[in-house]
Protein backbone atom coordinates (compact mmCIF):
# COMPACT_ATOMS: atom_id res chain seq x y z
CA MET A 1 -1.27 13.06 -5.92
CA LEU A 2 0.12 16.58 -5.78
CA THR A 3 3.64 15.42 -6.61
CA SER A 4 2.45 13.20 -9.45
CA GLY A 5 0.21 15.92 -10.85
CA LEU A 6 2.87 18.62 -10.79
CA THR A 7 5.49 16.33 -12.29
CA PHE A 8 3.03 15.22 -14.94
CA LEU A 9 2.28 18.83 -15.93
CA THR A 10 5.98 19.62 -16.14
CA VAL A 11 6.78 16.60 -18.28
CA LEU A 12 3.69 17.19 -20.41
CA SER A 13 4.89 20.71 -21.16
CA LEU A 14 8.27 19.27 -22.16
CA PHE A 15 6.46 16.83 -24.43
CA LEU A 16 4.36 19.52 -26.08
CA PHE A 17 6.89 22.37 -26.28
CA GLY A 18 10.27 20.66 -25.99
CA GLY A 19 10.82 19.94 -29.63
CA GLU A 20 11.80 16.78 -31.44
CA VAL A 21 14.88 16.15 -29.32
CA LEU A 22 12.91 15.86 -26.06
CA HIS A 23 9.81 14.28 -27.59
CA GLY A 24 10.76 10.60 -27.06
CA PHE A 25 12.25 11.13 -23.62
CA SER A 26 9.33 13.16 -22.30
CA PHE A 27 6.83 10.68 -23.76
CA ALA A 28 8.51 7.87 -21.80
CA LEU A 29 8.34 9.99 -18.65
CA VAL A 30 4.64 10.76 -19.21
CA ILE A 31 3.85 7.05 -19.54
CA GLY A 32 5.98 6.26 -16.47
CA ILE A 33 4.23 8.86 -14.35
CA LEU A 34 0.79 7.61 -15.41
CA ILE A 35 1.64 3.97 -14.70
CA GLY A 36 3.38 4.82 -11.41
CA THR A 37 0.45 6.89 -10.19
CA TYR A 38 -2.01 4.16 -11.15
CA SER A 39 0.13 1.61 -9.35
CA SER A 40 0.25 3.71 -6.21
CA ILE A 41 -3.49 4.32 -6.13
CA ALA A 42 -5.02 1.11 -7.45
CA VAL A 43 -2.52 -1.52 -6.34
CA ALA A 44 -0.48 -0.36 -3.37
CA ALA A 45 -3.30 1.31 -1.42
CA PRO A 46 -5.58 -1.77 -1.28
CA MET A 47 -2.58 -3.92 -0.39
CA LEU A 48 -1.79 -1.56 2.50
CA VAL A 49 -5.39 -1.70 3.73
CA ALA A 50 -5.39 -5.51 3.57
CA TYR A 51 -2.08 -5.65 5.43
CA GLN A 52 -3.38 -3.34 8.17
CA ASP A 53 -6.52 -5.47 8.53
CA TRP A 54 -4.38 -8.59 8.81
CA ARG A 55 -2.18 -7.00 11.47
CA THR A 56 -5.22 -5.83 13.45
CA ALA A 57 -6.79 -9.30 13.35
CA LYS A 58 -3.49 -10.87 14.40
CA ALA A 59 -3.15 -8.44 17.32
CA ARG A 60 -6.73 -9.09 18.45
CA ALA A 61 -6.17 -12.85 18.33
CA GLY A 62 -3.03 -12.45 20.43
CA GLN A 63 -4.85 -10.31 22.99
CA ALA A 64 -7.74 -12.77 23.15
CA ALA A 65 -5.34 -15.62 23.81
CA VAL A 66 -3.69 -13.72 26.66
CA ALA A 67 -6.97 -12.55 28.17
CA ALA A 68 -8.69 -15.93 28.01
CA PRO A 69 -8.85 -17.64 31.40
CA VAL A 70 -6.93 -20.84 31.73
CA LYS A 71 -9.18 -23.81 32.43
CA ARG A 72 -7.78 -26.01 35.13
CA GLU A 73 -8.99 -29.47 35.76
CA LYS A 74 -9.67 -30.50 39.30
CA VAL A 75 -7.47 -33.30 40.46
CA ARG A 76 -9.19 -35.82 42.69
CA ALA A 77 -7.16 -37.36 45.42
CA LYS A 78 -7.02 -41.09 45.46
CA GLY A 79 -7.85 -42.83 48.60
């Protein structure tokens, strides 16, 4: 957030005070920073949380399989 905010302020100042030559370029950068920040917060963060939950559940299932006692059937002798 700090990096995005500082970069946004810098590019916004270029957009406002940079003149006509930098206007189009800085506008594209402003839009890119906004979309990139939104993507990082609203898309990537929930995906990371879901992935961590999946990994935790997978690890717990693996530990439960190892810790579960093996059921052995009694073999009756013939005769």
